[in-house]
Structures are given as C-alpha cells and as structure tokens.
Amino acid sequence: MESQGGEENVTESQGEPYKVVDYTREKRFGIVATDLNDFINRACIKLNIPVGTPVKVALEQDGTEVEDEDYFSTLEKNTALMILVGDQKWLPAGKYAKYRIVVDEPDGDGSPPRHLQRLVDRLHSDLTCITLLGGKELELLADMDPDSIADLFPGDNKVFLESLKEASSRFLSEKQQAKDAMDLLKLYHCRHVSSDSGEKTSV
C-alpha cells in the first residue's frame, strides 16, 4: 500500500496532461504541467513564443478565460487550452478558417499586399518558417511599412510587424552574404580547375 501511495505522489508532482492550441487551431500539442504558470511556460515553448511574453489562456471550447490557479486546478485531464498573444481573441472553431480561405484566394491583379498578408499570417503561426523563405519573400517583408498595413492583419499588433520587418532584413542580409561567399568560392574553384587543366595540357 505504501509503494502505491508513493507512485501516486510522484504522478501528482509531475503534473496533469493538457492540450495546448494556438489561436488558429493549426498547432496542437500535448503537455504535462503542475500549475498554471508551468502550463504557460511549457505552452510558450511548444508554440515558439518567447517565454515571459504576456499571454492569455482560454478554454478552446468556449473561450472562457483561465485567469487564476484556483480555476486551473479544477480543469479535467486533457482539457484543450488556447494561448492568446497580444490582440489575439478567441473565436469559435471555423471562424478563423473562413478568414484564411479569403486570405488565400488569388488576387486578380497580383497586388503585393495579399501575398504579404499570407506571409505574415503564416509566420505568425510559426516564426521558424522565416528561415525557409526565399530572397524575394524576405525582401517583401523587409520593405513593408508596418504603419500602413497594420489594419490588414487582425490580431497582429504593430510591434509584431516591426519585429518581423527587422528580422527579415537581418535574414535577407545574411542570405545575401552567404550567396556572395558561395559565388566567390565557385569563382575560385573554376580558376583553380582551369589552372590545373592548363598545366596538364602543357605537360
């Protein structure tokens, strides 16, 4: 009996299982947390949100905000909780999906704002995607004006757009430097091969 009690204490100390989702519901993870603060920290890590960023926690099912430890402790195992950052607000399932469908419709005139909107929306869901962008996409983000396009991105504030612009400029610069270095290396290699071929021919 004593050993069983010990096992139960260990389980309790390790926390309870929960589900965490972002406001788009495209990201969903299972985590184990001991309390509300522990849940927030682990959820931020899973969703690539810098730990310490002010966030709100809400029930995915109905949007009820989980504001304190007392309420959090009453939640059942595997309860799905949504993390909201900045101006993000809970919406019923399907509402955001409709917005995404409108955003993804092709432009008749191919105007940059629609493509830019898709890029920002994609990066808001997963910032790590910025490392996979091509030069043209990074250039588009680096040249954007956060003040003039902020109203195109519901849920995203100006600070996020400014940070994204700065990060894109940095990645674009690094990508260009890497390209220049590779071009120089290729030039050196071609000259070296040509030199070796000339020596063999003369022999």
N, C-alpha and C. Protein backbone atom coordinates (compact mmCIF):
# COMPACT_ATOMS: atom_id res chain seq x y z
N MET A 1 0.84 -1.20 0.00
CA MET A 1 0.00 0.00 0.00
C MET A 1 0.87 1.25 0.00
N GLU A 2 1.99 1.22 0.77
CA GLU A 2 2.85 2.38 0.86
C GLU A 2 3.47 2.69 -0.49
N SER A 3 3.87 1.61 -1.23
CA SER A 3 4.52 1.84 -2.52
C SER A 3 3.53 2.46 -3.51
N GLN A 4 2.24 2.04 -3.41
CA GLN A 4 1.24 2.61 -4.31
C GLN A 4 1.03 4.09 -4.02
N GLY A 5 1.03 4.43 -2.75
CA GLY A 5 0.86 5.83 -2.37
C GLY A 5 2.02 6.66 -2.88
N GLY A 6 3.23 6.09 -2.84
CA GLY A 6 4.41 6.80 -3.33
C GLY A 6 4.31 7.05 -4.80
N GLU A 7 3.81 6.05 -5.56
CA GLU A 7 3.67 6.21 -7.00
C GLU A 7 2.68 7.32 -7.32
N GLU A 8 1.59 7.41 -6.53
CA GLU A 8 0.59 8.44 -6.77
C GLU A 8 1.19 9.82 -6.52
N ASN A 9 2.03 9.95 -5.48
CA ASN A 9 2.65 11.23 -5.18
C ASN A 9 3.57 11.66 -6.29
N VAL A 10 4.30 10.70 -6.86
CA VAL A 10 5.21 11.02 -7.96
C VAL A 10 4.43 11.52 -9.16
N THR A 11 3.29 10.84 -9.45
CA THR A 11 2.47 11.23 -10.59
C THR A 11 1.94 12.64 -10.41
N GLU A 12 1.47 12.95 -9.18
CA GLU A 12 0.92 14.27 -8.91
C GLU A 12 1.99 15.34 -9.05
N SER A 13 3.22 15.03 -8.59
CA SER A 13 4.29 16.01 -8.65
C SER A 13 4.71 16.29 -10.09
N GLN A 14 4.47 15.32 -10.97
CA GLN A 14 4.83 15.51 -12.37
C GLN A 14 3.79 16.33 -13.12
N GLY A 15 2.61 16.49 -12.57
CA GLY A 15 1.59 17.31 -13.20
C GLY A 15 0.51 16.50 -13.90
N GLU A 16 -0.40 17.22 -14.56
CA GLU A 16 -1.52 16.62 -15.27
C GLU A 16 -1.39 16.91 -16.77
N PRO A 17 -1.95 16.04 -17.61
CA PRO A 17 -1.88 16.25 -19.06
C PRO A 17 -2.91 17.27 -19.55
N TYR A 18 -2.49 18.12 -20.47
CA TYR A 18 -3.38 19.11 -21.08
C TYR A 18 -3.07 19.19 -22.58
N LYS A 19 -3.98 19.80 -23.31
CA LYS A 19 -3.76 20.08 -24.73
C LYS A 19 -3.60 21.59 -24.88
N VAL A 20 -2.65 22.02 -25.70
CA VAL A 20 -2.46 23.44 -25.95
C VAL A 20 -2.60 23.70 -27.45
N VAL A 21 -3.32 24.77 -27.81
CA VAL A 21 -3.50 25.13 -29.22
C VAL A 21 -3.24 26.62 -29.38
N ASP A 22 -2.83 27.02 -30.59
CA ASP A 22 -2.70 28.44 -30.87
C ASP A 22 -4.05 28.97 -31.35
N TYR A 23 -4.16 30.28 -31.55
CA TYR A 23 -5.49 30.84 -31.85
C TYR A 23 -5.99 30.45 -33.23
N THR A 24 -5.12 29.94 -34.10
CA THR A 24 -5.56 29.47 -35.42
C THR A 24 -6.05 28.03 -35.37
N ARG A 25 -5.74 27.34 -34.27
CA ARG A 25 -6.05 25.92 -34.09
C ARG A 25 -5.27 25.02 -35.05
N GLU A 26 -4.24 25.56 -35.68
CA GLU A 26 -3.43 24.76 -36.58
C GLU A 26 -2.33 24.01 -35.83
N LYS A 27 -1.96 24.55 -34.69
CA LYS A 27 -0.94 23.89 -33.86
C LYS A 27 -1.61 23.32 -32.62
N ARG A 28 -1.34 22.08 -32.35
CA ARG A 28 -1.95 21.42 -31.19
C ARG A 28 -0.92 20.46 -30.59
N PHE A 29 -0.66 20.61 -29.31
CA PHE A 29 0.33 19.77 -28.64
C PHE A 29 -0.22 19.26 -27.32
N GLY A 30 0.34 18.15 -26.87
CA GLY A 30 0.03 17.63 -25.55
C GLY A 30 1.17 17.96 -24.60
N ILE A 31 0.87 18.50 -23.45
CA ILE A 31 1.90 18.81 -22.47
C ILE A 31 1.43 18.40 -21.08
N VAL A 32 2.38 18.28 -20.18
CA VAL A 32 2.09 17.95 -18.78
C VAL A 32 2.55 19.13 -17.94
N ALA A 33 1.69 19.63 -17.06
CA ALA A 33 2.02 20.80 -16.25
C ALA A 33 1.53 20.62 -14.82
N THR A 34 2.25 21.24 -13.90
CA THR A 34 1.91 21.12 -12.48
C THR A 34 0.97 22.23 -12.02
N ASP A 35 1.05 23.40 -12.67
CA ASP A 35 0.17 24.51 -12.31
C ASP A 35 0.03 25.44 -13.51
N LEU A 36 -0.68 26.54 -13.32
CA LEU A 36 -0.96 27.45 -14.43
C LEU A 36 0.31 28.07 -15.01
N ASN A 37 1.20 28.54 -14.14
CA ASN A 37 2.45 29.14 -14.62
C ASN A 37 3.30 28.12 -15.38
N ASP A 38 3.34 26.91 -14.87
CA ASP A 38 4.10 25.85 -15.53
C ASP A 38 3.49 25.56 -16.90
N PHE A 39 2.16 25.54 -16.96
CA PHE A 39 1.48 25.30 -18.24
C PHE A 39 1.82 26.40 -19.24
N ILE A 40 1.77 27.66 -18.81
CA ILE A 40 2.05 28.78 -19.71
C ILE A 40 3.47 28.70 -20.25
N ASN A 41 4.43 28.41 -19.37
CA ASN A 41 5.83 28.31 -19.81
C ASN A 41 6.03 27.20 -20.83
N ARG A 42 5.45 26.04 -20.54
CA ARG A 42 5.60 24.90 -21.46
C ARG A 42 4.85 25.14 -22.77
N ALA A 43 3.69 25.78 -22.68
CA ALA A 43 2.90 26.07 -23.87
C ALA A 43 3.64 27.05 -24.78
N CYS A 44 4.25 28.06 -24.19
CA CYS A 44 5.00 29.04 -24.97
C CYS A 44 6.16 28.38 -25.71
N ILE A 45 6.83 27.45 -25.05
CA ILE A 45 7.94 26.74 -25.68
C ILE A 45 7.43 25.94 -26.88
N LYS A 46 6.33 25.24 -26.70
CA LYS A 46 5.76 24.42 -27.78
C LYS A 46 5.32 25.28 -28.98
N LEU A 47 4.81 26.47 -28.69
CA LEU A 47 4.27 27.33 -29.75
C LEU A 47 5.29 28.35 -30.25
N ASN A 48 6.55 28.20 -29.81
CA ASN A 48 7.62 29.10 -30.24
C ASN A 48 7.36 30.55 -29.85
N ILE A 49 6.76 30.74 -28.68
CA ILE A 49 6.53 32.08 -28.14
C ILE A 49 7.60 32.32 -27.08
N PRO A 50 8.33 33.43 -27.15
CA PRO A 50 9.36 33.70 -26.14
C PRO A 50 8.80 33.61 -24.73
N VAL A 51 9.45 32.81 -23.89
CA VAL A 51 8.99 32.66 -22.51
C VAL A 51 9.04 34.02 -21.82
N GLY A 52 7.97 34.37 -21.13
CA GLY A 52 7.88 35.68 -20.49
C GLY A 52 6.96 36.63 -21.23
N THR A 53 6.59 36.26 -22.46
CA THR A 53 5.66 37.08 -23.24
C THR A 53 4.28 37.06 -22.58
N PRO A 54 3.66 38.22 -22.36
CA PRO A 54 2.32 38.24 -21.77
C PRO A 54 1.32 37.48 -22.65
N VAL A 55 0.66 36.51 -22.08
CA VAL A 55 -0.32 35.73 -22.83
C VAL A 55 -1.58 35.55 -22.00
N LYS A 56 -2.65 35.17 -22.68
CA LYS A 56 -3.90 34.81 -22.01
C LYS A 56 -4.18 33.35 -22.30
N VAL A 57 -4.81 32.68 -21.34
CA VAL A 57 -5.17 31.28 -21.50
C VAL A 57 -6.69 31.18 -21.49
N ALA A 58 -7.24 30.51 -22.50
CA ALA A 58 -8.69 30.36 -22.59
C ALA A 58 -9.05 28.94 -22.97
N LEU A 59 -10.23 28.51 -22.56
CA LEU A 59 -10.71 27.19 -22.96
C LEU A 59 -10.97 27.20 -24.46
N GLU A 60 -10.44 26.23 -25.17
CA GLU A 60 -10.65 26.19 -26.62
C GLU A 60 -12.13 26.04 -26.95
N GLN A 61 -12.85 25.32 -26.12
CA GLN A 61 -14.25 25.00 -26.41
C GLN A 61 -15.16 26.23 -26.45
N ASP A 62 -15.02 27.11 -25.45
CA ASP A 62 -15.95 28.25 -25.38
C ASP A 62 -15.29 29.60 -25.13
N GLY A 63 -13.97 29.62 -25.01
CA GLY A 63 -13.27 30.89 -24.83
C GLY A 63 -13.21 31.41 -23.41
N THR A 64 -13.70 30.64 -22.45
CA THR A 64 -13.64 31.06 -21.05
C THR A 64 -12.19 31.27 -20.64
N GLU A 65 -11.89 32.45 -20.10
CA GLU A 65 -10.50 32.76 -19.74
C GLU A 65 -10.11 32.10 -18.43
N VAL A 66 -8.94 31.50 -18.42
CA VAL A 66 -8.39 30.86 -17.22
C VAL A 66 -7.42 31.86 -16.59
N GLU A 67 -7.90 32.58 -15.57
CA GLU A 67 -7.12 33.69 -15.03
C GLU A 67 -6.33 33.35 -13.78
N ASP A 68 -6.72 32.32 -13.06
CA ASP A 68 -6.01 32.05 -11.81
C ASP A 68 -5.82 30.55 -11.58
N GLU A 69 -5.00 30.26 -10.60
CA GLU A 69 -4.63 28.88 -10.29
C GLU A 69 -5.83 28.09 -9.78
N ASP A 70 -6.71 28.76 -9.04
CA ASP A 70 -7.87 28.06 -8.48
C ASP A 70 -8.73 27.46 -9.59
N TYR A 71 -8.98 28.23 -10.63
CA TYR A 71 -9.79 27.73 -11.75
C TYR A 71 -9.03 26.67 -12.53
N PHE A 72 -7.73 26.92 -12.74
CA PHE A 72 -6.91 25.97 -13.50
C PHE A 72 -6.90 24.60 -12.83
N SER A 73 -6.86 24.59 -11.51
CA SER A 73 -6.78 23.32 -10.77
C SER A 73 -8.06 22.50 -10.88
N THR A 74 -9.16 23.12 -11.32
CA THR A 74 -10.43 22.38 -11.45
C THR A 74 -10.60 21.75 -12.83
N LEU A 75 -9.71 22.06 -13.75
CA LEU A 75 -9.84 21.54 -15.12
C LEU A 75 -9.58 20.05 -15.16
N GLU A 76 -10.30 19.37 -16.03
CA GLU A 76 -10.13 17.93 -16.20
C GLU A 76 -8.87 17.63 -17.02
N LYS A 77 -8.41 16.40 -16.92
CA LYS A 77 -7.24 15.98 -17.70
C LYS A 77 -7.54 16.12 -19.19
N ASN A 78 -6.49 16.49 -19.94
CA ASN A 78 -6.57 16.64 -21.40
C ASN A 78 -7.49 17.76 -21.86
N THR A 79 -7.78 18.71 -20.97
CA THR A 79 -8.55 19.88 -21.38
C THR A 79 -7.75 20.66 -22.42
N ALA A 80 -8.40 21.10 -23.48
CA ALA A 80 -7.73 21.87 -24.53
C ALA A 80 -7.77 23.35 -24.18
N LEU A 81 -6.60 23.96 -24.11
CA LEU A 81 -6.48 25.37 -23.75
C LEU A 81 -5.80 26.15 -24.88
N MET A 82 -6.33 27.32 -25.14
CA MET A 82 -5.80 28.16 -26.22
C MET A 82 -4.94 29.27 -25.65
N ILE A 83 -3.78 29.50 -26.28
CA ILE A 83 -2.88 30.57 -25.88
C ILE A 83 -3.11 31.77 -26.80
N LEU A 84 -3.37 32.93 -26.21
CA LEU A 84 -3.63 34.15 -26.97
C LEU A 84 -2.55 35.17 -26.68
N VAL A 85 -1.97 35.74 -27.72
CA VAL A 85 -0.89 36.72 -27.58
C VAL A 85 -1.32 38.06 -28.14
N GLY A 86 -0.97 39.15 -27.44
CA GLY A 86 -1.27 40.48 -27.94
C GLY A 86 -2.76 40.71 -28.11
N ASP A 87 -3.16 41.09 -29.33
CA ASP A 87 -4.57 41.40 -29.60
C ASP A 87 -5.38 40.20 -30.06
N GLN A 88 -4.79 39.03 -30.03
CA GLN A 88 -5.50 37.83 -30.46
C GLN A 88 -6.71 37.58 -29.55
N LYS A 89 -7.80 37.17 -30.17
CA LYS A 89 -9.02 36.89 -29.42
C LYS A 89 -9.56 35.52 -29.80
N TRP A 90 -10.20 34.88 -28.84
CA TRP A 90 -10.79 33.57 -29.09
C TRP A 90 -11.94 33.72 -30.08
N LEU A 91 -12.01 32.80 -31.03
CA LEU A 91 -13.11 32.73 -31.98
C LEU A 91 -13.60 31.29 -32.05
N PRO A 92 -14.88 31.08 -32.31
CA PRO A 92 -15.39 29.70 -32.45
C PRO A 92 -14.67 28.98 -33.57
N ALA A 93 -14.57 27.68 -33.45
CA ALA A 93 -13.91 26.88 -34.49
C ALA A 93 -14.58 27.12 -35.84
N GLY A 94 -13.79 27.39 -36.86
CA GLY A 94 -14.33 27.63 -38.19
C GLY A 94 -14.30 29.09 -38.58
N LYS A 95 -14.37 29.99 -37.60
CA LYS A 95 -14.35 31.42 -37.91
C LYS A 95 -13.02 31.81 -38.53
N TYR A 96 -11.93 31.37 -37.89
CA TYR A 96 -10.61 31.72 -38.41
C TYR A 96 -10.36 31.01 -39.73
N ALA A 97 -10.90 29.80 -39.88
CA ALA A 97 -10.71 29.06 -41.12
C ALA A 97 -11.32 29.83 -42.29
N LYS A 98 -12.49 30.45 -42.07
CA LYS A 98 -13.11 31.22 -43.15
C LYS A 98 -12.24 32.40 -43.53
N TYR A 99 -11.64 33.01 -42.51
CA TYR A 99 -10.75 34.14 -42.77
C TYR A 99 -9.56 33.69 -43.60
N ARG A 100 -9.02 32.52 -43.29
CA ARG A 100 -7.87 32.00 -44.02
C ARG A 100 -8.23 31.73 -45.48
N ILE A 101 -9.44 31.22 -45.72
CA ILE A 101 -9.84 30.93 -47.09
C ILE A 101 -9.90 32.22 -47.91
N VAL A 102 -10.42 33.29 -47.32
CA VAL A 102 -10.49 34.56 -48.02
C VAL A 102 -9.09 35.08 -48.32
N VAL A 103 -8.21 34.96 -47.34
CA VAL A 103 -6.84 35.44 -47.49
C VAL A 103 -6.12 34.70 -48.60
N ASP A 104 -6.36 33.40 -48.71
CA ASP A 104 -5.63 32.58 -49.65
C ASP A 104 -6.16 32.64 -51.08
N GLU A 105 -7.26 33.36 -51.30
CA GLU A 105 -7.76 33.49 -52.66
C GLU A 105 -6.78 34.31 -53.48
N PRO A 106 -6.49 33.89 -54.72
CA PRO A 106 -5.53 34.64 -55.54
C PRO A 106 -6.05 36.01 -55.90
N ASP A 107 -5.15 36.99 -55.98
CA ASP A 107 -5.50 38.34 -56.37
C ASP A 107 -5.73 38.41 -57.87
N GLY A 108 -6.70 39.21 -58.29
CA GLY A 108 -6.91 39.38 -59.71
C GLY A 108 -5.79 40.18 -60.34
N ASP A 109 -5.24 41.15 -59.57
CA ASP A 109 -4.18 41.99 -60.13
C ASP A 109 -2.81 41.64 -59.58
N GLY A 110 -2.73 40.58 -58.75
CA GLY A 110 -1.45 40.16 -58.20
C GLY A 110 -0.83 41.19 -57.27
N SER A 111 -1.65 41.97 -56.58
CA SER A 111 -1.12 43.03 -55.73
C SER A 111 -0.33 42.45 -54.56
N PRO A 112 0.81 43.07 -54.22
CA PRO A 112 1.68 42.59 -53.15
C PRO A 112 1.02 42.46 -51.78
N PRO A 113 0.09 43.38 -51.37
CA PRO A 113 -0.48 43.27 -50.03
C PRO A 113 -1.09 41.91 -49.72
N ARG A 114 -1.76 41.29 -50.69
CA ARG A 114 -2.38 39.99 -50.43
C ARG A 114 -1.32 38.93 -50.17
N HIS A 115 -0.25 38.93 -50.97
CA HIS A 115 0.84 37.98 -50.77
C HIS A 115 1.54 38.27 -49.45
N LEU A 116 1.69 39.55 -49.13
CA LEU A 116 2.32 39.94 -47.88
C LEU A 116 1.48 39.49 -46.70
N GLN A 117 0.17 39.60 -46.85
CA GLN A 117 -0.74 39.18 -45.79
C GLN A 117 -0.63 37.69 -45.53
N ARG A 118 -0.50 36.91 -46.60
CA ARG A 118 -0.34 35.47 -46.45
C ARG A 118 0.96 35.14 -45.72
N LEU A 119 2.02 35.87 -46.07
CA LEU A 119 3.32 35.63 -45.44
C LEU A 119 3.28 35.92 -43.95
N VAL A 120 2.73 37.08 -43.60
CA VAL A 120 2.66 37.46 -42.18
C VAL A 120 1.79 36.49 -41.41
N ASP A 121 0.67 36.09 -42.01
CA ASP A 121 -0.23 35.14 -41.36
C ASP A 121 0.47 33.81 -41.11
N ARG A 122 1.24 33.37 -42.09
CA ARG A 122 1.97 32.11 -41.97
C ARG A 122 3.04 32.20 -40.89
N LEU A 123 3.77 33.32 -40.86
CA LEU A 123 4.85 33.48 -39.88
C LEU A 123 4.30 33.69 -38.48
N HIS A 124 3.10 34.27 -38.38
CA HIS A 124 2.51 34.43 -37.06
C HIS A 124 2.21 33.07 -36.44
N SER A 125 1.84 32.10 -37.28
CA SER A 125 1.55 30.76 -36.79
C SER A 125 2.83 30.01 -36.43
N ASP A 126 3.90 30.27 -37.19
CA ASP A 126 5.17 29.56 -36.94
C ASP A 126 6.33 30.44 -37.39
N LEU A 127 6.94 31.15 -36.44
CA LEU A 127 8.03 32.07 -36.78
C LEU A 127 9.25 31.36 -37.35
N THR A 128 9.40 30.08 -37.05
CA THR A 128 10.58 29.36 -37.54
C THR A 128 10.58 29.25 -39.06
N CYS A 129 9.42 29.47 -39.68
CA CYS A 129 9.33 29.40 -41.15
C CYS A 129 10.14 30.49 -41.83
N ILE A 130 10.51 31.53 -41.08
CA ILE A 130 11.25 32.64 -41.69
C ILE A 130 12.60 32.18 -42.22
N THR A 131 13.15 31.13 -41.61
CA THR A 131 14.45 30.62 -42.07
C THR A 131 14.34 29.89 -43.40
N LEU A 132 13.12 29.57 -43.83
CA LEU A 132 12.91 28.82 -45.07
C LEU A 132 12.49 29.72 -46.23
N LEU A 133 12.31 31.01 -45.96
CA LEU A 133 11.85 31.92 -47.01
C LEU A 133 12.95 32.24 -48.01
N GLY A 134 12.52 32.52 -49.24
CA GLY A 134 13.46 32.89 -50.28
C GLY A 134 13.78 34.38 -50.23
N GLY A 135 14.70 34.80 -51.07
CA GLY A 135 15.13 36.19 -51.06
C GLY A 135 14.01 37.17 -51.37
N LYS A 136 13.15 36.85 -52.35
CA LYS A 136 12.07 37.75 -52.73
C LYS A 136 11.06 37.93 -51.60
N GLU A 137 10.77 36.83 -50.89
CA GLU A 137 9.81 36.91 -49.78
C GLU A 137 10.39 37.72 -48.63
N LEU A 138 11.68 37.50 -48.33
CA LEU A 138 12.33 38.27 -47.27
C LEU A 138 12.39 39.75 -47.63
N GLU A 139 12.64 40.02 -48.91
CA GLU A 139 12.71 41.41 -49.36
C GLU A 139 11.36 42.09 -49.23
N LEU A 140 10.30 41.35 -49.53
CA LEU A 140 8.94 41.88 -49.41
C LEU A 140 8.63 42.25 -47.96
N LEU A 141 9.03 41.38 -47.04
CA LEU A 141 8.81 41.64 -45.61
C LEU A 141 9.69 42.77 -45.11
N ALA A 142 10.93 42.81 -45.58
CA ALA A 142 11.88 43.84 -45.13
C ALA A 142 11.46 45.23 -45.61
N ASP A 143 10.77 45.30 -46.75
CA ASP A 143 10.37 46.59 -47.32
C ASP A 143 8.98 47.04 -46.88
N MET A 144 8.26 46.22 -46.12
CA MET A 144 6.89 46.58 -45.76
C MET A 144 6.87 47.75 -44.77
N ASP A 145 5.77 48.48 -44.77
CA ASP A 145 5.56 49.60 -43.85
C ASP A 145 4.52 49.19 -42.81
N PRO A 146 4.97 48.87 -41.59
CA PRO A 146 4.04 48.39 -40.54
C PRO A 146 2.87 49.34 -40.30
N ASP A 147 3.10 50.66 -40.40
CA ASP A 147 2.04 51.63 -40.13
C ASP A 147 0.92 51.56 -41.16
N SER A 148 1.29 51.36 -42.42
CA SER A 148 0.29 51.41 -43.49
C SER A 148 -0.46 50.10 -43.70
N ILE A 149 0.08 48.99 -43.16
CA ILE A 149 -0.57 47.70 -43.41
C ILE A 149 -1.08 47.02 -42.14
N ALA A 150 -0.96 47.69 -40.99
CA ALA A 150 -1.35 47.07 -39.73
C ALA A 150 -2.81 46.63 -39.73
N ASP A 151 -3.68 47.40 -40.42
CA ASP A 151 -5.11 47.06 -40.42
C ASP A 151 -5.43 45.84 -41.27
N LEU A 152 -4.44 45.34 -42.03
CA LEU A 152 -4.66 44.15 -42.85
C LEU A 152 -4.55 42.87 -42.04
N PHE A 153 -4.02 42.98 -40.83
CA PHE A 153 -3.72 41.78 -40.06
C PHE A 153 -4.46 41.77 -38.74
N PRO A 154 -5.70 41.34 -38.72
CA PRO A 154 -6.46 41.26 -37.47
C PRO A 154 -5.78 40.33 -36.48
N GLY A 155 -5.56 40.84 -35.27
CA GLY A 155 -4.91 40.02 -34.25
C GLY A 155 -3.43 40.30 -34.14
N ASP A 156 -2.83 40.95 -35.12
CA ASP A 156 -1.40 41.26 -35.07
C ASP A 156 -1.22 42.74 -34.77
N ASN A 157 -0.34 43.06 -33.81
CA ASN A 157 -0.14 44.46 -33.50
C ASN A 157 1.08 45.01 -34.22
N LYS A 158 1.28 46.29 -34.10
CA LYS A 158 2.36 46.98 -34.81
C LYS A 158 3.72 46.48 -34.36
N VAL A 159 3.85 46.16 -33.07
CA VAL A 159 5.14 45.69 -32.55
C VAL A 159 5.57 44.41 -33.24
N PHE A 160 4.63 43.49 -33.46
CA PHE A 160 4.96 42.23 -34.13
C PHE A 160 5.43 42.51 -35.56
N LEU A 161 4.73 43.39 -36.26
CA LEU A 161 5.09 43.70 -37.65
C LEU A 161 6.47 44.36 -37.73
N GLU A 162 6.76 45.25 -36.78
CA GLU A 162 8.07 45.91 -36.78
C GLU A 162 9.19 44.90 -36.49
N SER A 163 8.93 43.98 -35.55
CA SER A 163 9.93 42.96 -35.23
C SER A 163 10.14 42.03 -36.42
N LEU A 164 9.06 41.69 -37.11
CA LEU A 164 9.15 40.83 -38.28
C LEU A 164 9.93 41.51 -39.40
N LYS A 165 9.71 42.79 -39.58
CA LYS A 165 10.43 43.58 -40.60
C LYS A 165 11.92 43.58 -40.30
N GLU A 166 12.27 43.80 -39.03
CA GLU A 166 13.68 43.83 -38.64
C GLU A 166 14.34 42.47 -38.83
N ALA A 167 13.65 41.41 -38.40
CA ALA A 167 14.20 40.05 -38.53
C ALA A 167 14.38 39.68 -40.00
N SER A 168 13.42 40.07 -40.84
CA SER A 168 13.51 39.76 -42.27
C SER A 168 14.70 40.46 -42.91
N SER A 169 14.94 41.71 -42.51
CA SER A 169 16.09 42.45 -43.04
C SER A 169 17.39 41.75 -42.66
N ARG A 170 17.43 41.26 -41.43
CA ARG A 170 18.65 40.58 -40.97
C ARG A 170 18.87 39.28 -41.73
N PHE A 171 17.81 38.49 -41.88
CA PHE A 171 17.94 37.22 -42.61
C PHE A 171 18.28 37.46 -44.08
N LEU A 172 17.71 38.52 -44.66
CA LEU A 172 17.99 38.85 -46.06
C LEU A 172 19.46 39.21 -46.24
N SER A 173 19.98 39.99 -45.29
CA SER A 173 21.39 40.38 -45.34
C SER A 173 22.30 39.16 -45.22
N GLU A 174 21.97 38.27 -44.27
CA GLU A 174 22.77 37.07 -44.08
C GLU A 174 22.71 36.16 -45.30
N LYS A 175 21.53 36.07 -45.91
CA LYS A 175 21.38 35.22 -47.10
C LYS A 175 22.21 35.78 -48.27
N GLN A 176 22.22 37.12 -48.40
CA GLN A 176 23.00 37.75 -49.47
C GLN A 176 24.49 37.55 -49.25
N GLN A 177 24.92 37.66 -47.98
CA GLN A 177 26.33 37.44 -47.66
C GLN A 177 26.74 36.00 -47.97
N ALA A 178 25.86 35.07 -47.65
CA ALA A 178 26.15 33.66 -47.93
C ALA A 178 26.24 33.42 -49.43
N LYS A 179 25.34 34.08 -50.20
CA LYS A 179 25.36 33.94 -51.66
C LYS A 179 26.64 34.51 -52.25
N ASP A 180 27.06 35.68 -51.74
CA ASP A 180 28.29 36.30 -52.23
C ASP A 180 29.50 35.42 -51.94
N ALA A 181 29.51 34.83 -50.73
CA ALA A 181 30.62 33.95 -50.36
C ALA A 181 30.64 32.72 -51.25
N MET A 182 29.47 32.17 -51.55
CA MET A 182 29.39 30.99 -52.41
C MET A 182 29.83 31.32 -53.84
N ASP A 183 29.44 32.49 -54.35
CA ASP A 183 29.86 32.91 -55.69
C ASP A 183 31.37 33.06 -55.76
N LEU A 184 31.94 33.63 -54.71
CA LEU A 184 33.39 33.80 -54.67
C LEU A 184 34.10 32.46 -54.64
N LEU A 185 33.54 31.52 -53.88
CA LEU A 185 34.12 30.19 -53.78
C LEU A 185 34.04 29.47 -55.13
N LYS A 186 32.91 29.61 -55.82
CA LYS A 186 32.76 28.99 -57.13
C LYS A 186 33.76 29.57 -58.13
N LEU A 187 33.96 30.90 -58.07
CA LEU A 187 34.90 31.55 -58.97
C LEU A 187 36.32 31.05 -58.72
N TYR A 188 36.67 30.93 -57.45
CA TYR A 188 38.00 30.42 -57.10
C TYR A 188 38.16 28.99 -57.58
N HIS A 189 37.11 28.19 -57.42
CA HIS A 189 37.17 26.79 -57.83
C HIS A 189 37.35 26.67 -59.34
N CYS A 190 36.61 27.49 -60.09
CA CYS A 190 36.71 27.45 -61.56
C CYS A 190 38.11 27.83 -62.02
N ARG A 191 38.67 28.86 -61.38
CA ARG A 191 40.01 29.28 -61.76
C ARG A 191 41.04 28.21 -61.41
N HIS A 192 40.85 27.56 -60.30
CA HIS A 192 41.77 26.53 -59.86
C HIS A 192 41.73 25.33 -60.81
N VAL A 193 40.51 24.93 -61.21
CA VAL A 193 40.36 23.82 -62.15
C VAL A 193 40.96 24.18 -63.51
N SER A 194 40.72 25.42 -63.96
CA SER A 194 41.26 25.87 -65.24
C SER A 194 42.78 25.89 -65.22
N SER A 195 43.34 26.31 -64.09
CA SER A 195 44.79 26.35 -63.95
C SER A 195 45.39 24.96 -64.00
N ASP A 196 44.74 24.01 -63.31
CA ASP A 196 45.22 22.62 -63.31
C ASP A 196 45.15 22.02 -64.70
N SER A 197 44.09 22.33 -65.45
CA SER A 197 43.92 21.80 -66.80
C SER A 197 45.00 22.34 -67.73
N GLY A 198 45.36 23.62 -67.56
CA GLY A 198 46.39 24.22 -68.38
C GLY A 198 47.74 23.60 -68.15
N GLU A 199 48.04 23.31 -66.88
CA GLU A 199 49.32 22.70 -66.55
C GLU A 199 49.43 21.30 -67.14
N LYS A 200 48.34 20.52 -67.08
CA LYS A 200 48.35 19.16 -67.62
C LYS A 200 48.52 19.18 -69.14
N THR A 201 47.90 20.17 -69.80
CA THR A 201 47.98 20.27 -71.26
C THR A 201 49.40 20.60 -71.71
N SER A 202 50.05 21.52 -70.98
CA SER A 202 51.42 21.90 -71.32
C SER A 202 52.40 20.76 -71.14
N VAL A 203 52.12 19.88 -70.15
CA VAL A 203 52.98 18.72 -69.92
C VAL A 203 52.79 17.72 -71.04
